[in-house]
Amino acid sequence: MDNIITFEDFTKVDLRIGTIVEVSDFPNARKPAYQLVIDFGDLGVRKSSAQITTQYTKEDLKNRQIVAVVNFPKKQIADFMSECLVMGAVKENDVFLLHPETKVKNGMVVS
């Protein structure tokens, strides 16, 4: 494996649990995607874009808890500003969201 990192590198990544509170289509994205609004509790509400339209409907996503990186810089995606990165496992170009097994407090640290 060529991309070995140290434990100190890993501790810089701020992974948190959030609940998706709004989902809308993202027609200006290059690849099919949704725009998500995610509640991270005390950290506030953040927006993200996610290419998850093949595995999830908007109804599937509403009120779903997810894992996201919250300490990346904002990123412009088409006409949308993404404020966090939703985590998922990729299998043959499909993304499957990472999520807690049971409901937990929004903003909880993932370690």
C-alpha atoms as a PDB file:
ATOM      1  CA  MET A   1       0.000   0.000   0.000  1.00  0.00           C
ATOM      2  CA  ASP A   2       1.580   3.274  -1.149  1.00  0.00           C
ATOM      3  CA  ASN A   3      -0.580   5.790   0.695  1.00  0.00           C
ATOM      4  CA  ILE A   4       0.264   4.996   4.335  1.00  0.00           C
ATOM      5  CA  ILE A   5      -0.626   7.770   6.782  1.00  0.00           C
ATOM      6  CA  THR A   6       0.238   8.234  10.431  1.00  0.00           C
ATOM      7  CA  PHE A   7      -2.248   8.099  13.274  1.00  0.00           C
ATOM      8  CA  GLU A   8      -1.687  11.847  13.689  1.00  0.00           C
ATOM      9  CA  ASP A   9      -2.760  12.336  10.047  1.00  0.00           C
ATOM     10  CA  PHE A  10      -5.945  10.369  10.720  1.00  0.00           C
ATOM     11  CA  THR A  11      -6.794  12.401  13.828  1.00  0.00           C
ATOM     12  CA  LYS A  12      -6.966  15.537  11.660  1.00  0.00           C
ATOM     13  CA  VAL A  13     -10.012  14.146   9.839  1.00  0.00           C
ATOM     14  CA  ASP A  14     -13.170  15.260  11.656  1.00  0.00           C
ATOM     15  CA  LEU A  15     -15.816  12.584  11.004  1.00  0.00           C
ATOM     16  CA  ARG A  16     -19.253  13.314  12.453  1.00  0.00           C
ATOM     17  CA  ILE A  17     -22.771  11.919  12.450  1.00  0.00           C
ATOM     18  CA  GLY A  18     -25.478  14.059  10.893  1.00  0.00           C
ATOM     19  CA  THR A  19     -29.109  13.714   9.873  1.00  0.00           C
ATOM     20  CA  ILE A  20     -30.222  14.601   6.362  1.00  0.00           C
ATOM     21  CA  VAL A  21     -33.065  17.101   6.775  1.00  0.00           C
ATOM     22  CA  GLU A  22     -33.545  18.205   3.148  1.00  0.00           C
ATOM     23  CA  VAL A  23     -32.906  16.523  -0.201  1.00  0.00           C
ATOM     24  CA  SER A  24     -33.311  18.094  -3.625  1.00  0.00           C
ATOM     25  CA  ASP A  25     -32.355  17.287  -7.191  1.00  0.00           C
ATOM     26  CA  PHE A  26     -29.132  18.801  -8.515  1.00  0.00           C
ATOM     27  CA  PRO A  27     -29.800  19.343 -12.234  1.00  0.00           C
ATOM     28  CA  ASN A  28     -26.595  21.383 -12.806  1.00  0.00           C
ATOM     29  CA  ALA A  29     -24.261  18.609 -11.617  1.00  0.00           C
ATOM     30  CA  ARG A  30     -22.181  16.853 -14.301  1.00  0.00           C
ATOM     31  CA  LYS A  31     -23.212  13.433 -12.979  1.00  0.00           C
ATOM     32  CA  PRO A  32     -26.606  12.691 -11.375  1.00  0.00           C
ATOM     33  CA  ALA A  33     -26.552  13.911  -7.777  1.00  0.00           C
ATOM     34  CA  TYR A  34     -28.642  15.240  -4.929  1.00  0.00           C
ATOM     35  CA  GLN A  35     -28.149  18.370  -2.872  1.00  0.00           C
ATOM     36  CA  LEU A  36     -28.322  17.508   0.825  1.00  0.00           C
ATOM     37  CA  VAL A  37     -28.872  19.666   3.890  1.00  0.00           C
ATOM     38  CA  ILE A  38     -27.482  17.885   6.951  1.00  0.00           C
ATOM     39  CA  ASP A  39     -28.005  18.692  10.646  1.00  0.00           C
ATOM     40  CA  PHE A  40     -24.834  18.164  12.700  1.00  0.00           C
ATOM     41  CA  GLY A  41     -26.315  19.261  16.037  1.00  0.00           C
ATOM     42  CA  ASP A  42     -24.066  21.766  17.825  1.00  0.00           C
ATOM     43  CA  LEU A  43     -21.920  22.110  14.662  1.00  0.00           C
ATOM     44  CA  GLY A  44     -24.941  23.451  12.802  1.00  0.00           C
ATOM     45  CA  VAL A  45     -26.416  22.657   9.413  1.00  0.00           C
ATOM     46  CA  ARG A  46     -24.203  22.028   6.385  1.00  0.00           C
ATOM     47  CA  LYS A  47     -24.797  21.346   2.706  1.00  0.00           C
ATOM     48  CA  SER A  48     -23.314  18.622   0.545  1.00  0.00           C
ATOM     49  CA  SER A  49     -23.656  17.215  -2.946  1.00  0.00           C
ATOM     50  CA  ALA A  50     -23.746  13.436  -3.325  1.00  0.00           C
ATOM     51  CA  GLN A  51     -23.813  11.166  -6.374  1.00  0.00           C
ATOM     52  CA  ILE A  52     -26.143   8.643  -4.766  1.00  0.00           C
ATOM     53  CA  THR A  53     -29.166   8.771  -7.065  1.00  0.00           C
ATOM     54  CA  THR A  54     -28.868   5.164  -8.279  1.00  0.00           C
ATOM     55  CA  GLN A  55     -29.180   3.620  -4.815  1.00  0.00           C
ATOM     56  CA  TYR A  56     -31.366   6.119  -2.936  1.00  0.00           C
ATOM     57  CA  THR A  57     -34.514   8.108  -3.561  1.00  0.00           C
ATOM     58  CA  LYS A  58     -35.056  11.493  -1.947  1.00  0.00           C
ATOM     59  CA  GLU A  59     -37.590   9.832   0.357  1.00  0.00           C
ATOM     60  CA  ASP A  60     -35.012   7.175   1.384  1.00  0.00           C
ATOM     61  CA  LEU A  61     -32.570   9.899   2.412  1.00  0.00           C
ATOM     62  CA  LYS A  62     -34.824  12.237   4.390  1.00  0.00           C
ATOM     63  CA  ASN A  63     -34.144  11.816   8.146  1.00  0.00           C
ATOM     64  CA  ARG A  64     -31.356   9.264   7.497  1.00  0.00           C
ATOM     65  CA  GLN A  65     -28.249   9.558   9.642  1.00  0.00           C
ATOM     66  CA  ILE A  66     -24.933   9.540   7.795  1.00  0.00           C
ATOM     67  CA  VAL A  67     -21.177   9.890   8.393  1.00  0.00           C
ATOM     68  CA  ALA A  68     -19.433  12.946   6.935  1.00  0.00           C
ATOM     69  CA  VAL A  69     -16.096  14.733   7.009  1.00  0.00           C
ATOM     70  CA  VAL A  70     -16.839  18.224   8.332  1.00  0.00           C
ATOM     71  CA  ASN A  71     -13.402  19.875   8.298  1.00  0.00           C
ATOM     72  CA  PHE A  72     -12.627  20.039   4.577  1.00  0.00           C
ATOM     73  CA  PRO A  73     -12.673  23.483   2.968  1.00  0.00           C
ATOM     74  CA  LYS A  74     -15.867  24.372   1.115  1.00  0.00           C
ATOM     75  CA  LYS A  75     -15.928  23.215  -2.507  1.00  0.00           C
ATOM     76  CA  GLN A  76     -17.807  24.757  -5.431  1.00  0.00           C
ATOM     77  CA  ILE A  77     -19.694  22.112  -7.427  1.00  0.00           C
ATOM     78  CA  ALA A  78     -21.450  23.723 -10.403  1.00  0.00           C
ATOM     79  CA  ASP A  79     -23.647  26.429  -8.829  1.00  0.00           C
ATOM     80  CA  PHE A  80     -23.617  24.803  -5.361  1.00  0.00           C
ATOM     81  CA  MET A  81     -21.205  25.195  -2.428  1.00  0.00           C
ATOM     82  CA  SER A  82     -20.522  21.871  -0.682  1.00  0.00           C
ATOM     83  CA  GLU A  83     -19.603  22.268   3.001  1.00  0.00           C
ATOM     84  CA  CYS A  84     -18.895  18.658   3.998  1.00  0.00           C
ATOM     85  CA  LEU A  85     -18.168  15.268   2.424  1.00  0.00           C
ATOM     86  CA  VAL A  86     -20.673  12.472   2.927  1.00  0.00           C
ATOM     87  CA  MET A  87     -18.919   9.110   3.300  1.00  0.00           C
ATOM     88  CA  GLY A  88     -19.836   5.967   1.422  1.00  0.00           C
ATOM     89  CA  ALA A  89     -18.503   2.682   0.149  1.00  0.00           C
ATOM     90  CA  VAL A  90     -18.169   2.393  -3.632  1.00  0.00           C
ATOM     91  CA  LYS A  91     -19.066  -0.772  -5.510  1.00  0.00           C
ATOM     92  CA  GLU A  92     -19.075  -0.711  -9.315  1.00  0.00           C
ATOM     93  CA  ASN A  93     -19.777   3.065  -9.470  1.00  0.00           C
ATOM     94  CA  ASP A  94     -22.606   2.876  -6.901  1.00  0.00           C
ATOM     95  CA  VAL A  95     -22.176   4.595  -3.540  1.00  0.00           C
ATOM     96  CA  PHE A  96     -23.578   3.042  -0.374  1.00  0.00           C
ATOM     97  CA  LEU A  97     -23.768   5.505   2.530  1.00  0.00           C
ATOM     98  CA  LEU A  98     -21.989   4.846   5.801  1.00  0.00           C
ATOM     99  CA  HIS A  99     -24.293   5.259   8.782  1.00  0.00           C
ATOM    100  CA  PRO A 100     -24.596   4.374  12.465  1.00  0.00           C
ATOM    101  CA  GLU A 101     -26.361   1.128  13.269  1.00  0.00           C
ATOM    102  CA  THR A 102     -28.659   2.867  15.752  1.00  0.00           C
ATOM    103  CA  LYS A 103     -29.807   6.483  16.057  1.00  0.00           C
ATOM    104  CA  VAL A 104     -27.230   8.652  17.832  1.00  0.00           C
ATOM    105  CA  LYS A 105     -26.866  12.339  18.665  1.00  0.00           C
ATOM    106  CA  ASN A 106     -26.194  14.600  15.670  1.00  0.00           C
ATOM    107  CA  GLY A 107     -22.630  15.901  15.737  1.00  0.00           C
ATOM    108  CA  MET A 108     -21.273  12.793  17.482  1.00  0.00           C
ATOM    109  CA  VAL A 109     -17.611  12.180  16.680  1.00  0.00           C
ATOM    110  CA  VAL A 110     -16.734   9.060  14.681  1.00  0.00           C
ATOM    111  CA  SER A 111     -13.437   7.529  15.741  1.00  0.00           C
END
